[in-house]
Amino acid sequence: MVDPTSDLEEDIDPDDAPTCATCGEPIVNAPTHRVVTWVDDGEARQRHFCDEACREDWDDER
């Protein structure tokens, strides 16, 4: 998996790209990419979304 803090505008193989937590599509070269991050039991957790609509549709199962 690609480091989520890296520049995702570079040549990223869809197999290595993060996937949307709502629709499951790989997120490659998407300026609409959104990330939600939180701390759970002392560990950083994150969910990626391809756009704001998928972010809003996410069923928060933390």
N, C-alpha and C. Protein backbone atom coordinates (compact mmCIF):
# COMPACT_ATOMS: atom_id res chain seq x y z
N MET A 1 0.84 -1.18 0.00
CA MET A 1 0.00 0.00 0.00
C MET A 1 0.88 1.24 0.00
N VAL A 2 0.39 2.27 -0.63
CA VAL A 2 1.11 3.53 -0.74
C VAL A 2 0.98 4.30 0.57
N ASP A 3 2.06 4.96 0.96
CA ASP A 3 2.03 5.84 2.13
C ASP A 3 0.97 6.92 1.89
N PRO A 4 -0.04 7.04 2.76
CA PRO A 4 -1.11 8.00 2.51
C PRO A 4 -0.67 9.45 2.53
N THR A 5 0.54 9.73 3.02
CA THR A 5 1.03 11.11 3.03
C THR A 5 1.85 11.41 1.79
N SER A 6 2.03 10.42 0.90
CA SER A 6 2.82 10.64 -0.30
C SER A 6 2.01 11.37 -1.35
N ASP A 7 2.68 11.80 -2.40
CA ASP A 7 2.04 12.49 -3.51
C ASP A 7 1.35 11.47 -4.40
N LEU A 8 0.03 11.33 -4.29
CA LEU A 8 -0.70 10.33 -5.06
C LEU A 8 -0.89 10.74 -6.52
N GLU A 9 -0.36 11.88 -6.91
CA GLU A 9 -0.44 12.29 -8.31
C GLU A 9 0.64 11.60 -9.15
N GLU A 10 1.56 10.91 -8.52
CA GLU A 10 2.62 10.22 -9.24
C GLU A 10 2.08 8.92 -9.81
N ASP A 11 2.90 8.21 -10.56
CA ASP A 11 2.48 6.95 -11.18
C ASP A 11 2.25 5.89 -10.12
N ILE A 12 0.99 5.72 -9.73
CA ILE A 12 0.61 4.74 -8.73
C ILE A 12 -0.17 3.64 -9.44
N ASP A 13 0.25 2.40 -9.24
CA ASP A 13 -0.47 1.26 -9.78
C ASP A 13 -1.77 1.11 -8.99
N PRO A 14 -2.90 0.92 -9.66
CA PRO A 14 -4.17 0.75 -8.94
C PRO A 14 -4.14 -0.37 -7.90
N ASP A 15 -3.30 -1.38 -8.11
CA ASP A 15 -3.19 -2.46 -7.12
C ASP A 15 -2.53 -1.99 -5.83
N ASP A 16 -1.75 -0.92 -5.90
CA ASP A 16 -1.05 -0.39 -4.73
C ASP A 16 -1.75 0.82 -4.12
N ALA A 17 -2.74 1.35 -4.80
CA ALA A 17 -3.43 2.55 -4.35
C ALA A 17 -4.41 2.22 -3.22
N PRO A 18 -4.70 3.20 -2.36
CA PRO A 18 -5.73 2.98 -1.35
C PRO A 18 -7.08 2.82 -2.04
N THR A 19 -8.00 2.12 -1.39
CA THR A 19 -9.34 1.94 -1.95
C THR A 19 -10.36 2.69 -1.12
N CYS A 20 -11.43 3.09 -1.76
CA CYS A 20 -12.48 3.83 -1.09
C CYS A 20 -13.19 2.90 -0.10
N ALA A 21 -13.37 3.37 1.14
CA ALA A 21 -14.01 2.57 2.18
C ALA A 21 -15.50 2.37 1.91
N THR A 22 -16.09 3.17 1.03
CA THR A 22 -17.51 3.04 0.72
C THR A 22 -17.76 2.21 -0.52
N CYS A 23 -17.13 2.58 -1.64
CA CYS A 23 -17.42 1.89 -2.91
C CYS A 23 -16.36 0.88 -3.31
N GLY A 24 -15.18 0.92 -2.68
CA GLY A 24 -14.14 -0.07 -2.97
C GLY A 24 -13.27 0.22 -4.18
N GLU A 25 -13.51 1.33 -4.86
CA GLU A 25 -12.71 1.68 -6.04
C GLU A 25 -11.31 2.14 -5.63
N PRO A 26 -10.27 1.77 -6.40
CA PRO A 26 -8.94 2.29 -6.11
C PRO A 26 -8.90 3.80 -6.35
N ILE A 27 -8.14 4.50 -5.51
CA ILE A 27 -8.06 5.96 -5.60
C ILE A 27 -6.71 6.32 -6.21
N VAL A 28 -6.74 6.63 -7.51
CA VAL A 28 -5.52 6.95 -8.26
C VAL A 28 -5.71 8.29 -8.94
N ASN A 29 -4.79 9.21 -8.68
CA ASN A 29 -4.83 10.54 -9.31
C ASN A 29 -6.17 11.23 -9.13
N ALA A 30 -6.73 11.17 -7.95
CA ALA A 30 -8.05 11.76 -7.69
C ALA A 30 -7.92 12.99 -6.80
N PRO A 31 -8.14 14.18 -7.34
CA PRO A 31 -8.07 15.38 -6.51
C PRO A 31 -9.20 15.45 -5.48
N THR A 32 -10.21 14.59 -5.63
CA THR A 32 -11.34 14.56 -4.70
C THR A 32 -11.11 13.60 -3.53
N HIS A 33 -9.95 12.94 -3.49
CA HIS A 33 -9.59 11.97 -2.45
C HIS A 33 -9.74 12.60 -1.06
N ARG A 34 -10.43 11.90 -0.17
CA ARG A 34 -10.61 12.34 1.22
C ARG A 34 -10.12 11.24 2.15
N VAL A 35 -9.58 11.62 3.31
CA VAL A 35 -9.10 10.67 4.30
C VAL A 35 -9.63 11.07 5.67
N VAL A 36 -10.13 10.11 6.43
CA VAL A 36 -10.55 10.31 7.81
C VAL A 36 -9.56 9.54 8.67
N THR A 37 -9.01 10.20 9.67
CA THR A 37 -8.01 9.58 10.55
C THR A 37 -8.46 9.74 11.99
N TRP A 38 -8.21 8.71 12.80
CA TRP A 38 -8.52 8.76 14.23
C TRP A 38 -7.57 7.85 14.98
N VAL A 39 -7.54 7.96 16.30
CA VAL A 39 -6.70 7.12 17.14
C VAL A 39 -7.61 6.16 17.89
N ASP A 40 -7.27 4.87 17.82
CA ASP A 40 -8.05 3.81 18.45
C ASP A 40 -7.09 2.91 19.22
N ASP A 41 -7.26 2.84 20.53
CA ASP A 41 -6.37 2.04 21.38
C ASP A 41 -4.90 2.37 21.15
N GLY A 42 -4.61 3.67 20.99
CA GLY A 42 -3.24 4.12 20.85
C GLY A 42 -2.65 3.95 19.46
N GLU A 43 -3.44 3.48 18.48
CA GLU A 43 -2.96 3.31 17.11
C GLU A 43 -3.73 4.22 16.16
N ALA A 44 -3.02 4.80 15.21
CA ALA A 44 -3.66 5.63 14.20
C ALA A 44 -4.41 4.74 13.21
N ARG A 45 -5.63 5.09 12.92
CA ARG A 45 -6.47 4.39 11.96
C ARG A 45 -6.90 5.39 10.90
N GLN A 46 -7.23 4.88 9.71
CA GLN A 46 -7.64 5.77 8.64
C GLN A 46 -8.56 5.07 7.67
N ARG A 47 -9.39 5.85 7.01
CA ARG A 47 -10.26 5.38 5.94
C ARG A 47 -10.11 6.36 4.79
N HIS A 48 -10.02 5.82 3.59
CA HIS A 48 -9.89 6.63 2.38
C HIS A 48 -11.22 6.63 1.64
N PHE A 49 -11.51 7.75 0.97
CA PHE A 49 -12.74 7.90 0.20
C PHE A 49 -12.41 8.57 -1.13
N CYS A 50 -13.09 8.14 -2.19
CA CYS A 50 -12.79 8.71 -3.51
C CYS A 50 -13.34 10.11 -3.68
N ASP A 51 -14.37 10.46 -2.92
CA ASP A 51 -14.91 11.83 -2.99
C ASP A 51 -15.75 12.12 -1.75
N GLU A 52 -16.26 13.33 -1.68
CA GLU A 52 -17.03 13.76 -0.51
C GLU A 52 -18.33 12.97 -0.38
N ALA A 53 -18.96 12.60 -1.49
CA ALA A 53 -20.21 11.83 -1.44
C ALA A 53 -19.98 10.47 -0.78
N CYS A 54 -18.90 9.79 -1.15
CA CYS A 54 -18.60 8.50 -0.51
C CYS A 54 -18.25 8.71 0.96
N ARG A 55 -17.58 9.79 1.27
CA ARG A 55 -17.26 10.10 2.66
C ARG A 55 -18.54 10.26 3.48
N GLU A 56 -19.50 10.96 2.93
CA GLU A 56 -20.77 11.19 3.63
C GLU A 56 -21.59 9.92 3.75
N ASP A 57 -21.45 8.99 2.78
CA ASP A 57 -22.21 7.73 2.80
C ASP A 57 -21.57 6.67 3.68
N TRP A 58 -20.36 6.91 4.15
CA TRP A 58 -19.64 5.91 4.95
C TRP A 58 -20.38 5.59 6.24
N ASP A 59 -20.53 4.31 6.49
CA ASP A 59 -21.14 3.84 7.72
C ASP A 59 -20.02 3.69 8.74
N ASP A 60 -19.90 4.65 9.63
CA ASP A 60 -18.81 4.69 10.60
C ASP A 60 -18.90 3.51 11.56
N GLU A 61 -18.04 2.50 11.30
CA GLU A 61 -18.04 1.28 12.11
C GLU A 61 -16.83 1.21 13.04
N ARG A 62 -16.30 2.35 13.41
CA ARG A 62 -15.11 2.37 14.27
C ARG A 62 -15.39 1.71 15.57
